[in-house]
C-alpha atoms as a PDB file:
ATOM      1  CA  UNK A   1     130.664 161.571 105.309  1.00  0.00           C
ATOM      2  CA  UNK A   2     127.134 162.431 104.254  1.00  0.00           C
ATOM      3  CA  UNK A   3     127.659 166.160 103.750  1.00  0.00           C
ATOM      4  CA  UNK A   4     125.230 167.882 101.434  1.00  0.00           C
ATOM      5  CA  UNK A   5     126.174 170.713  99.051  1.00  0.00           C
ATOM      6  CA  UNK A   6     125.055 173.241 101.709  1.00  0.00           C
ATOM      7  CA  UNK A   7     128.444 172.639 103.326  1.00  0.00           C
ATOM      8  CA  UNK A   8     130.193 173.710 100.146  1.00  0.00           C
ATOM      9  CA  UNK A   9     127.887 176.689  99.741  1.00  0.00           C
ATOM     10  CA  UNK A  10     128.795 177.943 103.225  1.00  0.00           C
ATOM     11  CA  UNK A  11     132.519 177.635 102.552  1.00  0.00           C
ATOM     12  CA  UNK A  12     132.324 179.291  99.143  1.00  0.00           C
ATOM     13  CA  UNK A  13     130.187 182.156 100.441  1.00  0.00           C
ATOM     14  CA  UNK A  14     132.691 182.755 103.241  1.00  0.00           C
ATOM     15  CA  UNK A  15     135.599 182.822 100.811  1.00  0.00           C
ATOM     16  CA  UNK A  16     133.831 185.244  98.502  1.00  0.00           C
ATOM     17  CA  UNK A  17     132.924 187.537 101.383  1.00  0.00           C
ATOM     18  CA  UNK A  18     136.448 187.501 102.767  1.00  0.00           C
ATOM     19  CA  UNK A  19     138.197 188.395  99.520  1.00  0.00           C
ATOM     20  CA  UNK A  20     136.170 191.521  98.784  1.00  0.00           C
ATOM     21  CA  UNK A  21     137.924 193.813 101.254  1.00  0.00           C
ATOM     22  CA  UNK A  22     138.040 194.787 104.885  1.00  0.00           C
ATOM     23  CA  UNK A  23     134.899 196.892 104.939  1.00  0.00           C
ATOM     24  CA  UNK A  24     132.749 195.993 107.945  1.00  0.00           C
ATOM     25  CA  UNK A  25     129.015 195.766 107.449  1.00  0.00           C
ATOM     26  CA  UNK A  26     126.339 195.625 110.105  1.00  0.00           C
ATOM     27  CA  UNK A  27     123.750 192.869 109.998  1.00  0.00           C
ATOM     28  CA  UNK A  28     120.219 194.016 109.489  1.00  0.00           C
ATOM     29  CA  UNK A  29     116.912 192.380 110.302  1.00  0.00           C
ATOM     30  CA  UNK A  30     114.450 190.822 107.937  1.00  0.00           C
ATOM     31  CA  UNK A  31     112.495 194.050 107.629  1.00  0.00           C
ATOM     32  CA  UNK A  32     115.495 195.905 106.186  1.00  0.00           C
ATOM     33  CA  UNK A  33     116.149 193.093 103.761  1.00  0.00           C
ATOM     34  CA  UNK A  34     112.564 193.231 102.596  1.00  0.00           C
ATOM     35  CA  UNK A  35     112.735 196.993 102.112  1.00  0.00           C
ATOM     36  CA  UNK A  36     115.951 196.811 100.093  1.00  0.00           C
ATOM     37  CA  UNK A  37     114.638 194.140  97.769  1.00  0.00           C
ATOM     38  CA  UNK A  38     111.165 195.428  97.068  1.00  0.00           C
ATOM     39  CA  UNK A  39     111.740 194.883  93.356  1.00  0.00           C
ATOM     40  CA  UNK A  40     111.663 191.148  93.935  1.00  0.00           C
ATOM     41  CA  UNK A  41     110.845 190.329  97.572  1.00  0.00           C
ATOM     42  CA  UNK A  42     109.920 186.711  96.926  1.00  0.00           C
ATOM     43  CA  UNK A  43     113.341 185.909  95.473  1.00  0.00           C
ATOM     44  CA  UNK A  44     115.487 187.771  98.034  1.00  0.00           C
ATOM     45  CA  UNK A  45     117.482 186.614 101.014  1.00  0.00           C
ATOM     46  CA  UNK A  46     119.835 188.378 103.458  1.00  0.00           C
ATOM     47  CA  UNK A  47     123.591 187.942 103.149  1.00  0.00           C
ATOM     48  CA  UNK A  48     125.945 190.027 105.300  1.00  0.00           C
ATOM     49  CA  UNK A  49     123.596 193.032 105.431  1.00  0.00           C
ATOM     50  CA  UNK A  50     122.867 192.824 101.722  1.00  0.00           C
ATOM     51  CA  UNK A  51     119.752 191.584 100.025  1.00  0.00           C
ATOM     52  CA  UNK A  52     120.218 189.270  97.087  1.00  0.00           C
ATOM     53  CA  UNK A  53     118.145 187.503  94.513  1.00  0.00           C
ATOM     54  CA  UNK A  54     118.865 184.686  92.116  1.00  0.00           C
ATOM     55  CA  UNK A  55     118.474 185.213  88.412  1.00  0.00           C
ATOM     56  CA  UNK A  56     116.063 182.928  86.595  1.00  0.00           C
ATOM     57  CA  UNK A  57     117.219 179.960  84.540  1.00  0.00           C
ATOM     58  CA  UNK A  58     115.892 181.724  81.471  1.00  0.00           C
ATOM     59  CA  UNK A  59     118.117 184.714  82.168  1.00  0.00           C
ATOM     60  CA  UNK A  60     121.058 182.395  82.752  1.00  0.00           C
ATOM     61  CA  UNK A  61     120.463 180.784  79.377  1.00  0.00           C
ATOM     62  CA  UNK A  62     120.350 184.174  77.695  1.00  0.00           C
ATOM     63  CA  UNK A  63     123.556 185.234  79.405  1.00  0.00           C
ATOM     64  CA  UNK A  64     125.298 182.008  78.452  1.00  0.00           C
ATOM     65  CA  UNK A  65     124.501 182.613  74.830  1.00  0.00           C
ATOM     66  CA  UNK A  66     125.159 186.315  74.599  1.00  0.00           C
ATOM     67  CA  UNK A  67     127.741 187.512  77.115  1.00  0.00           C
ATOM     68  CA  UNK A  68     131.411 187.964  76.400  1.00  0.00           C
ATOM     69  CA  UNK A  69     133.733 185.024  76.880  1.00  0.00           C
ATOM     70  CA  UNK A  70     131.237 182.302  76.010  1.00  0.00           C
ATOM     71  CA  UNK A  71     131.493 179.871  73.129  1.00  0.00           C
ATOM     72  CA  UNK A  72     127.857 178.918  72.850  1.00  0.00           C
ATOM     73  CA  UNK A  73     125.720 179.470  69.775  1.00  0.00           C
ATOM     74  CA  UNK A  74     122.091 179.382  68.757  1.00  0.00           C
ATOM     75  CA  UNK A  75     122.510 175.742  67.706  1.00  0.00           C
ATOM     76  CA  UNK A  76     123.984 174.628  71.029  1.00  0.00           C
ATOM     77  CA  UNK A  77     122.208 171.937  73.029  1.00  0.00           C
ATOM     78  CA  UNK A  78     121.510 173.442  76.458  1.00  0.00           C
ATOM     79  CA  UNK A  79     119.871 172.038  79.550  1.00  0.00           C
ATOM     80  CA  UNK A  80     118.650 173.838  82.663  1.00  0.00           C
ATOM     81  CA  UNK A  81     120.179 172.232  85.766  1.00  0.00           C
ATOM     82  CA  UNK A  82     119.319 173.017  89.339  1.00  0.00           C
ATOM     83  CA  UNK A  83     117.142 176.107  89.557  1.00  0.00           C
ATOM     84  CA  UNK A  84     119.475 178.704  88.087  1.00  0.00           C
ATOM     85  CA  UNK A  85     122.151 176.943  86.008  1.00  0.00           C
ATOM     86  CA  UNK A  86     122.502 176.105  82.336  1.00  0.00           C
ATOM     87  CA  UNK A  87     124.720 173.417  80.837  1.00  0.00           C
ATOM     88  CA  UNK A  88     125.838 173.801  77.241  1.00  0.00           C
ATOM     89  CA  UNK A  89     126.474 170.175  76.301  1.00  0.00           C
ATOM     90  CA  UNK A  90     127.732 171.172  72.851  1.00  0.00           C
ATOM     91  CA  UNK A  91     130.549 173.361  74.140  1.00  0.00           C
ATOM     92  CA  UNK A  92     131.000 171.504  77.442  1.00  0.00           C
ATOM     93  CA  UNK A  93     130.409 174.379  79.888  1.00  0.00           C
ATOM     94  CA  UNK A  94     128.090 175.159  82.794  1.00  0.00           C
ATOM     95  CA  UNK A  95     126.959 178.718  83.544  1.00  0.00           C
ATOM     96  CA  UNK A  96     125.110 180.373  86.421  1.00  0.00           C
ATOM     97  CA  UNK A  97     124.321 183.942  87.446  1.00  0.00           C
ATOM     98  CA  UNK A  98     123.641 185.728  90.712  1.00  0.00           C
ATOM     99  CA  UNK A  99     121.985 189.074  91.469  1.00  0.00           C
ATOM    100  CA  UNK A 100     122.596 191.169  94.574  1.00  0.00           C
ATOM    101  CA  UNK A 101     121.250 194.434  96.056  1.00  0.00           C
ATOM    102  CA  UNK A 102     122.839 196.729  98.644  1.00  0.00           C
ATOM    103  CA  UNK A 103     121.434 197.192 102.174  1.00  0.00           C
ATOM    104  CA  UNK A 104     119.255 200.246 102.792  1.00  0.00           C
ATOM    105  CA  UNK A 105     121.822 201.790 105.166  1.00  0.00           C
ATOM    106  CA  UNK A 106     124.790 201.875 102.766  1.00  0.00           C
ATOM    107  CA  UNK A 107     126.718 205.067 103.566  1.00  0.00           C
ATOM    108  CA  UNK A 108     127.349 206.034  99.939  1.00  0.00           C
ATOM    109  CA  UNK A 109     127.036 204.813  96.367  1.00  0.00           C
ATOM    110  CA  UNK A 110     130.527 203.281  96.360  1.00  0.00           C
ATOM    111  CA  UNK A 111     129.764 201.125  99.395  1.00  0.00           C
ATOM    112  CA  UNK A 112     126.349 200.203  97.983  1.00  0.00           C
ATOM    113  CA  UNK A 113     127.901 199.033  94.723  1.00  0.00           C
ATOM    114  CA  UNK A 114     130.568 197.003  96.529  1.00  0.00           C
ATOM    115  CA  UNK A 115     128.030 195.263  98.744  1.00  0.00           C
ATOM    116  CA  UNK A 116     125.688 194.543  95.837  1.00  0.00           C
ATOM    117  CA  UNK A 117     128.582 193.096  93.831  1.00  0.00           C
ATOM    118  CA  UNK A 118     129.713 191.020  96.809  1.00  0.00           C
ATOM    119  CA  UNK A 119     126.226 189.597  97.254  1.00  0.00           C
ATOM    120  CA  UNK A 120     125.831 188.871  93.545  1.00  0.00           C
ATOM    121  CA  UNK A 121     129.115 186.994  93.439  1.00  0.00           C
ATOM    122  CA  UNK A 122     128.211 184.887  96.453  1.00  0.00           C
ATOM    123  CA  UNK A 123     124.826 183.982  94.960  1.00  0.00           C
ATOM    124  CA  UNK A 124     126.437 183.179  91.599  1.00  0.00           C
ATOM    125  CA  UNK A 125     128.833 180.731  93.271  1.00  0.00           C
ATOM    126  CA  UNK A 126     125.945 179.150  95.142  1.00  0.00           C
ATOM    127  CA  UNK A 127     123.919 178.773  91.952  1.00  0.00           C
ATOM    128  CA  UNK A 128     126.878 177.388  90.024  1.00  0.00           C
ATOM    129  CA  UNK A 129     127.507 174.829  92.746  1.00  0.00           C
ATOM    130  CA  UNK A 130     123.865 173.774  92.717  1.00  0.00           C
ATOM    131  CA  UNK A 131     123.919 173.474  88.925  1.00  0.00           C
ATOM    132  CA  UNK A 132     127.160 171.533  88.807  1.00  0.00           C
ATOM    133  CA  UNK A 133     126.100 169.038  91.454  1.00  0.00           C
ATOM    134  CA  UNK A 134     122.900 168.311  89.492  1.00  0.00           C
ATOM    135  CA  UNK A 135     124.825 167.220  86.375  1.00  0.00           C
ATOM    136  CA  UNK A 136     124.634 163.535  85.459  1.00  0.00           C
ATOM    137  CA  UNK A 137     127.986 161.762  85.567  1.00  0.00           C
ATOM    138  CA  UNK A 138     126.778 158.475  84.084  1.00  0.00           C
ATOM    139  CA  UNK A 139     123.629 156.371  83.887  1.00  0.00           C
ATOM    140  CA  UNK A 140     123.368 155.934  87.658  1.00  0.00           C
ATOM    141  CA  UNK A 141     125.016 158.911  89.382  1.00  0.00           C
ATOM    142  CA  UNK A 142     125.182 162.694  89.504  1.00  0.00           C
ATOM    143  CA  UNK A 143     127.970 164.925  90.788  1.00  0.00           C
ATOM    144  CA  UNK A 144     125.958 165.298  94.002  1.00  0.00           C
ATOM    145  CA  UNK A 145     126.076 161.527  94.549  1.00  0.00           C
ATOM    146  CA  UNK A 146     129.866 161.632  94.380  1.00  0.00           C
ATOM    147  CA  UNK A 147     130.410 164.566  96.752  1.00  0.00           C
ATOM    148  CA  UNK A 148     128.094 163.123  99.394  1.00  0.00           C
ATOM    149  CA  UNK A 149     130.075 159.872  99.505  1.00  0.00           C
ATOM    150  CA  UNK A 150     133.652 161.148  99.082  1.00  0.00           C
ATOM    151  CA  UNK A 151     135.411 163.878 101.059  1.00  0.00           C
ATOM    152  CA  UNK A 152     138.153 163.954  98.415  1.00  0.00           C
ATOM    153  CA  UNK A 153     135.756 164.639  95.561  1.00  0.00           C
ATOM    154  CA  UNK A 154     133.880 167.163  97.691  1.00  0.00           C
ATOM    155  CA  UNK A 155     137.075 169.187  98.133  1.00  0.00           C
ATOM    156  CA  UNK A 156     137.882 168.927  94.420  1.00  0.00           C
ATOM    157  CA  UNK A 157     134.419 170.139  93.454  1.00  0.00           C
ATOM    158  CA  UNK A 158     134.736 173.033  95.885  1.00  0.00           C
ATOM    159  CA  UNK A 159     138.021 174.027  94.239  1.00  0.00           C
ATOM    160  CA  UNK A 160     136.612 173.785  90.722  1.00  0.00           C
ATOM    161  CA  UNK A 161     133.636 175.993  91.569  1.00  0.00           C
ATOM    162  CA  UNK A 162     135.833 178.540  93.336  1.00  0.00           C
ATOM    163  CA  UNK A 163     138.006 178.746  90.218  1.00  0.00           C
ATOM    164  CA  UNK A 164     135.068 179.426  87.893  1.00  0.00           C
ATOM    165  CA  UNK A 165     135.569 182.293  85.457  1.00  0.00           C
ATOM    166  CA  UNK A 166     133.572 185.508  85.688  1.00  0.00           C
ATOM    167  CA  UNK A 167     132.351 185.980  82.123  1.00  0.00           C
ATOM    168  CA  UNK A 168     129.996 188.898  82.659  1.00  0.00           C
ATOM    169  CA  UNK A 169     129.130 191.475  85.309  1.00  0.00           C
ATOM    170  CA  UNK A 170     126.840 194.469  85.102  1.00  0.00           C
ATOM    171  CA  UNK A 171     125.087 197.123  87.133  1.00  0.00           C
ATOM    172  CA  UNK A 172     121.306 196.772  87.273  1.00  0.00           C
ATOM    173  CA  UNK A 173     118.498 199.169  88.070  1.00  0.00           C
ATOM    174  CA  UNK A 174     117.787 200.070  91.701  1.00  0.00           C
ATOM    175  CA  UNK A 175     121.478 199.619  92.590  1.00  0.00           C
ATOM    176  CA  UNK A 176     121.406 195.900  91.782  1.00  0.00           C
ATOM    177  CA  UNK A 177     124.373 193.983  90.422  1.00  0.00           C
ATOM    178  CA  UNK A 178     124.621 190.783  88.379  1.00  0.00           C
ATOM    179  CA  UNK A 179     127.566 188.412  87.987  1.00  0.00           C
ATOM    180  CA  UNK A 180     127.717 185.407  85.659  1.00  0.00           C
ATOM    181  CA  UNK A 181     130.154 182.538  86.249  1.00  0.00           C
ATOM    182  CA  UNK A 182     131.211 179.753  83.909  1.00  0.00           C
ATOM    183  CA  UNK A 183     133.253 176.575  84.286  1.00  0.00           C
ATOM    184  CA  UNK A 184     134.344 173.944  81.818  1.00  0.00           C
ATOM    185  CA  UNK A 185     133.220 170.318  82.014  1.00  0.00           C
ATOM    186  CA  UNK A 186     136.575 169.120  80.720  1.00  0.00           C
ATOM    187  CA  UNK A 187     140.017 169.268  82.311  1.00  0.00           C
ATOM    188  CA  UNK A 188     139.743 168.852  86.070  1.00  0.00           C
ATOM    189  CA  UNK A 189     136.123 167.719  85.820  1.00  0.00           C
ATOM    190  CA  UNK A 190     136.986 164.897  83.412  1.00  0.00           C
ATOM    191  CA  UNK A 191     140.006 163.943  85.489  1.00  0.00           C
ATOM    192  CA  UNK A 192     137.907 163.780  88.659  1.00  0.00           C
ATOM    193  CA  UNK A 193     134.971 161.749  87.419  1.00  0.00           C
ATOM    194  CA  UNK A 194     136.427 159.456  84.746  1.00  0.00           C
ATOM    195  CA  UNK A 195     137.425 156.200  86.494  1.00  0.00           C
ATOM    196  CA  UNK A 196     141.172 155.679  86.771  1.00  0.00           C
ATOM    197  CA  UNK A 197     140.951 151.883  86.973  1.00  0.00           C
ATOM    198  CA  UNK A 198     138.866 151.248  83.861  1.00  0.00           C
ATOM    199  CA  UNK A 199     139.232 147.854  82.241  1.00  0.00           C
ATOM    200  CA  UNK A 200     141.238 147.650  79.000  1.00  0.00           C
ATOM    201  CA  UNK A 201     139.098 147.978  75.912  1.00  0.00           C
ATOM    202  CA  UNK A 202     138.279 144.924  73.863  1.00  0.00           C
ATOM    203  CA  UNK A 203     138.083 145.440  70.159  1.00  0.00           C
ATOM    204  CA  UNK A 204     134.954 144.027  68.536  1.00  0.00           C
ATOM    205  CA  UNK A 205     136.041 141.771  65.699  1.00  0.00           C
ATOM    206  CA  UNK A 206     133.735 141.994  62.666  1.00  0.00           C
ATOM    207  CA  UNK A 207     131.993 138.769  61.752  1.00  0.00           C
ATOM    208  CA  UNK A 208     131.710 140.037  58.188  1.00  0.00           C
ATOM    209  CA  UNK A 209     133.481 142.836  56.297  1.00  0.00           C
ATOM    210  CA  UNK A 210     132.215 146.297  57.310  1.00  0.00           C
ATOM    211  CA  UNK A 211     129.091 147.293  55.445  1.00  0.00           C
ATOM    212  CA  UNK A 212     129.674 151.033  55.764  1.00  0.00           C
ATOM    213  CA  UNK A 213     132.629 152.262  53.737  1.00  0.00           C
ATOM    214  CA  UNK A 214     134.219 155.706  53.902  1.00  0.00           C
ATOM    215  CA  UNK A 215     133.089 158.209  51.336  1.00  0.00           C
ATOM    216  CA  UNK A 216     135.219 159.027  48.342  1.00  0.00           C
ATOM    217  CA  UNK A 217     136.528 162.078  50.194  1.00  0.00           C
ATOM    218  CA  UNK A 218     138.595 159.945  52.550  1.00  0.00           C
ATOM    219  CA  UNK A 219     138.280 158.025  55.834  1.00  0.00           C
ATOM    220  CA  UNK A 220     135.640 158.858  58.387  1.00  0.00           C
ATOM    221  CA  UNK A 221     136.816 161.523  60.814  1.00  0.00           C
ATOM    222  CA  UNK A 222     134.471 160.923  63.719  1.00  0.00           C
ATOM    223  CA  UNK A 223     131.312 159.211  64.919  1.00  0.00           C
ATOM    224  CA  UNK A 224     127.825 160.746  65.084  1.00  0.00           C
ATOM    225  CA  UNK A 225     125.108 158.723  66.825  1.00  0.00           C
ATOM    226  CA  UNK A 226     121.560 159.822  66.020  1.00  0.00           C
ATOM    227  CA  UNK A 227     119.458 159.227  69.139  1.00  0.00           C
ATOM    228  CA  UNK A 228     116.522 161.518  68.447  1.00  0.00           C
ATOM    229  CA  UNK A 229     113.050 160.480  69.536  1.00  0.00           C
ATOM    230  CA  UNK A 230     114.284 158.242  72.356  1.00  0.00           C
ATOM    231  CA  UNK A 231     114.343 160.463  75.420  1.00  0.00           C
ATOM    232  CA  UNK A 232     118.122 160.266  75.700  1.00  0.00           C
ATOM    233  CA  UNK A 233     119.729 162.529  78.295  1.00  0.00           C
ATOM    234  CA  UNK A 234     123.302 163.878  78.253  1.00  0.00           C
ATOM    235  CA  UNK A 235     125.985 162.857  80.759  1.00  0.00           C
ATOM    236  CA  UNK A 236     129.678 163.400  81.392  1.00  0.00           C
ATOM    237  CA  UNK A 237     130.514 159.720  80.850  1.00  0.00           C
ATOM    238  CA  UNK A 238     128.064 158.072  78.434  1.00  0.00           C
ATOM    239  CA  UNK A 239     128.497 154.609  76.960  1.00  0.00           C
ATOM    240  CA  UNK A 240     127.581 153.121  73.586  1.00  0.00           C
ATOM    241  CA  UNK A 241     126.754 149.410  73.725  1.00  0.00           C
ATOM    242  CA  UNK A 242     126.109 146.683  71.197  1.00  0.00           C
ATOM    243  CA  UNK A 243     122.873 144.695  71.075  1.00  0.00           C
ATOM    244  CA  UNK A 244     124.493 141.956  73.141  1.00  0.00           C
ATOM    245  CA  UNK A 245     125.833 144.351  75.786  1.00  0.00           C
ATOM    246  CA  UNK A 246     129.457 144.832  74.714  1.00  0.00           C
ATOM    247  CA  UNK A 247     130.961 148.291  75.025  1.00  0.00           C
ATOM    248  CA  UNK A 248     131.390 149.769  71.564  1.00  0.00           C
ATOM    249  CA  UNK A 249     132.487 153.083  73.070  1.00  0.00           C
ATOM    250  CA  UNK A 250     133.076 154.461  76.565  1.00  0.00           C
ATOM    251  CA  UNK A 251     135.596 156.517  78.488  1.00  0.00           C
ATOM    252  CA  UNK A 252     137.845 153.440  78.503  1.00  0.00           C
ATOM    253  CA  UNK A 253     138.487 153.913  74.781  1.00  0.00           C
ATOM    254  CA  UNK A 254     139.627 157.515  75.108  1.00  0.00           C
ATOM    255  CA  UNK A 255     143.278 158.380  75.633  1.00  0.00           C
ATOM    256  CA  UNK A 256     143.869 160.375  78.815  1.00  0.00           C
ATOM    257  CA  UNK A 257     144.945 163.610  77.109  1.00  0.00           C
ATOM    258  CA  UNK A 258     141.823 163.646  74.927  1.00  0.00           C
ATOM    259  CA  UNK A 259     139.560 162.646  77.792  1.00  0.00           C
ATOM    260  CA  UNK A 260     140.724 165.686  79.753  1.00  0.00           C
ATOM    261  CA  UNK A 261     140.714 168.161  76.872  1.00  0.00           C
ATOM    262  CA  UNK A 262     137.674 166.930  74.893  1.00  0.00           C
ATOM    263  CA  UNK A 263     135.433 165.060  77.307  1.00  0.00           C
ATOM    264  CA  UNK A 264     133.824 161.775  76.259  1.00  0.00           C
ATOM    265  CA  UNK A 265     131.171 163.091  73.853  1.00  0.00           C
ATOM    266  CA  UNK A 266     129.420 166.283  72.788  1.00  0.00           C
ATOM    267  CA  UNK A 267     125.677 166.675  72.278  1.00  0.00           C
ATOM    268  CA  UNK A 268     123.766 168.562  69.589  1.00  0.00           C
ATOM    269  CA  UNK A 269     120.116 168.730  68.604  1.00  0.00           C
ATOM    270  CA  UNK A 270     120.253 168.509  64.815  1.00  0.00           C
ATOM    271  CA  UNK A 271     122.365 166.733  62.160  1.00  0.00           C
ATOM    272  CA  UNK A 272     123.560 169.985  60.581  1.00  0.00           C
ATOM    273  CA  UNK A 273     125.200 171.034  63.842  1.00  0.00           C
ATOM    274  CA  UNK A 274     126.817 167.618  64.115  1.00  0.00           C
ATOM    275  CA  UNK A 275     128.296 167.793  60.612  1.00  0.00           C
ATOM    276  CA  UNK A 276     129.932 171.141  61.285  1.00  0.00           C
ATOM    277  CA  UNK A 277     131.157 170.439  64.814  1.00  0.00           C
ATOM    278  CA  UNK A 278     134.984 170.513  65.027  1.00  0.00           C
ATOM    279  CA  UNK A 279     134.938 167.417  67.222  1.00  0.00           C
ATOM    280  CA  UNK A 280     134.145 165.195  64.202  1.00  0.00           C
ATOM    281  CA  UNK A 281     135.556 167.531  61.523  1.00  0.00           C
ATOM    282  CA  UNK A 282     134.301 167.169  57.949  1.00  0.00           C
ATOM    283  CA  UNK A 283     133.479 163.527  57.223  1.00  0.00           C
ATOM    284  CA  UNK A 284     131.757 161.838  60.191  1.00  0.00           C
ATOM    285  CA  UNK A 285     130.246 158.374  60.190  1.00  0.00           C
ATOM    286  CA  UNK A 286     126.518 158.541  61.051  1.00  0.00           C
ATOM    287  CA  UNK A 287     124.994 155.654  63.034  1.00  0.00           C
ATOM    288  CA  UNK A 288     121.403 155.333  64.229  1.00  0.00           C
ATOM    289  CA  UNK A 289     120.883 154.373  67.868  1.00  0.00           C
ATOM    290  CA  UNK A 290     118.416 151.598  68.589  1.00  0.00           C
ATOM    291  CA  UNK A 291     117.389 152.544  72.123  1.00  0.00           C
ATOM    292  CA  UNK A 292     118.650 154.093  75.372  1.00  0.00           C
ATOM    293  CA  UNK A 293     119.577 152.019  78.411  1.00  0.00           C
ATOM    294  CA  UNK A 294     120.394 152.768  82.035  1.00  0.00           C
ATOM    295  CA  UNK A 295     118.440 154.415  84.818  1.00  0.00           C
ATOM    296  CA  UNK A 296     118.869 157.906  83.382  1.00  0.00           C
ATOM    297  CA  UNK A 297     118.742 156.985  79.679  1.00  0.00           C
ATOM    298  CA  UNK A 298     122.290 158.249  79.127  1.00  0.00           C
ATOM    299  CA  UNK A 299     123.715 155.074  77.548  1.00  0.00           C
ATOM    300  CA  UNK A 300     122.883 154.012  73.996  1.00  0.00           C
ATOM    301  CA  UNK A 301     122.553 150.758  72.091  1.00  0.00           C
ATOM    302  CA  UNK A 302     123.621 150.516  68.451  1.00  0.00           C
ATOM    303  CA  UNK A 303     123.401 147.521  66.142  1.00  0.00           C
ATOM    304  CA  UNK A 304     126.095 144.874  66.205  1.00  0.00           C
ATOM    305  CA  UNK A 305     126.775 145.588  62.538  1.00  0.00           C
ATOM    306  CA  UNK A 306     127.376 149.279  63.232  1.00  0.00           C
ATOM    307  CA  UNK A 307     129.713 148.439  66.115  1.00  0.00           C
ATOM    308  CA  UNK A 308     131.650 146.044  63.913  1.00  0.00           C
ATOM    309  CA  UNK A 309     131.955 148.732  61.262  1.00  0.00           C
ATOM    310  CA  UNK A 310     133.417 151.140  63.792  1.00  0.00           C
ATOM    311  CA  UNK A 311     135.842 148.638  65.277  1.00  0.00           C
ATOM    312  CA  UNK A 312     136.731 146.911  62.023  1.00  0.00           C
ATOM    313  CA  UNK A 313     138.673 149.796  60.492  1.00  0.00           C
ATOM    314  CA  UNK A 314     141.833 151.126  62.103  1.00  0.00           C
ATOM    315  CA  UNK A 315     141.023 154.769  61.333  1.00  0.00           C
ATOM    316  CA  UNK A 316     137.626 154.388  62.988  1.00  0.00           C
ATOM    317  CA  UNK A 317     139.144 153.016  66.171  1.00  0.00           C
ATOM    318  CA  UNK A 318     141.537 155.956  66.278  1.00  0.00           C
ATOM    319  CA  UNK A 319     138.746 158.532  66.325  1.00  0.00           C
ATOM    320  CA  UNK A 320     137.284 156.758  69.335  1.00  0.00           C
ATOM    321  CA  UNK A 321     140.630 157.157  71.111  1.00  0.00           C
ATOM    322  CA  UNK A 322     140.442 160.901  70.418  1.00  0.00           C
ATOM    323  CA  UNK A 323     136.840 161.200  71.691  1.00  0.00           C
ATOM    324  CA  UNK A 324     135.620 162.366  68.289  1.00  0.00           C
ATOM    325  CA  UNK A 325     132.051 161.370  69.102  1.00  0.00           C
ATOM    326  CA  UNK A 326     128.818 163.379  68.959  1.00  0.00           C
ATOM    327  CA  UNK A 327     125.312 162.339  69.980  1.00  0.00           C
ATOM    328  CA  UNK A 328     122.213 163.954  68.456  1.00  0.00           C
ATOM    329  CA  UNK A 329     119.367 164.169  70.959  1.00  0.00           C
ATOM    330  CA  UNK A 330     116.035 165.974  71.098  1.00  0.00           C
ATOM    331  CA  UNK A 331     116.067 169.567  72.268  1.00  0.00           C
ATOM    332  CA  UNK A 332     114.218 170.118  75.518  1.00  0.00           C
ATOM    333  CA  UNK A 333     112.642 173.261  76.902  1.00  0.00           C
ATOM    334  CA  UNK A 334     112.392 176.627  75.154  1.00  0.00           C
END
C-alpha cells in the first residue's frame, strides 16, 4: 500500500515513451549522456538514450504567466510546489515544464527533434506529478499523503496527470525541446479529495441582528476574508471557523456542482484583486480573519459576530453554497 510517487512516475514515463511512435533507440552510457547535455550537465539525466533536464521553478512560473492557453495574470497568487511546479491559487491550476535533449548518435535532425520532444514530455509529466503531490489538501494532509495510503486515489491521480493539457512547446538552442503541462485543480481533483460523507451543515443563528448590512448597491455577492500578516497557506479544502470552533464555512457548505466547477476558495494577494475577481462579482463582504489554525495554517478563525452576519442573511448563505469565497494572503517568493 505504501507506494511512493516514483511508482506513478515510472508508469507515466512508460506511457509517454510508448505513445511517441515505433522508433527504436539504443541505450547509451553515462558518458554519452554527459556529452549530449554539456549545456547543463548537473541537471541532466538519461532517459531512453536521450538526455533531459528539468526547467527551473522560476522558468515554470514565467511560462505559466505568459504562454498560450493559461489564465493567469500578474496579480495571481502563485506558489512554487515541488522543485519545478507552480500552482496558481487564483485561477486554480498547476503548471510544470520539462526540457529534453537528443542523444549524440541521433541519425538525423528529425530523429533528434523527436527524441528531445519525447524526453521533454516525460520530464514534464514527472515534474507535474511531483508538483501535484506536494499540494496541500487540508490542514493535515497533502495529495502525497492520500496516494500513499489509497490505491484508488493513486490510480485517479495517475489518470489526472496523464490527462494534463500541453499549453506550450518550443524548440530550444542546441537541439533542446521544452514542453509545459497544465492541469486544473477543480473538476476531477475536487471530486477526488472533497469528502463524500461530510456532515450536514449547521447554520449559525445570530444572537443579535447582523451588524454588517449590504451596501446600497444591493446584497453582498460573495465573501472575502482578509488573512494578511498571519502566515496563512493555501489548500484545496480550507475551513473558516468561529472563535468557539464552529464551522462558518467549509466544503460541506458548497453544493456539489459548484464544488467541482469552482473549488472551495480562491486566493489572491491584495484587496484590489479580490474585488475584481469573478468568483465574488461586484459587491463582496469583507471580513478580517483573527488567526490561522491547523498544522499547516490553512484554516482560519473569524469573529463570532462576522460568522453570524454571514449566516444570518439568506443571500449570504447562498453565496457560501456557490463557493463564492476568496482569501487574501501574503505573497511569498519573487
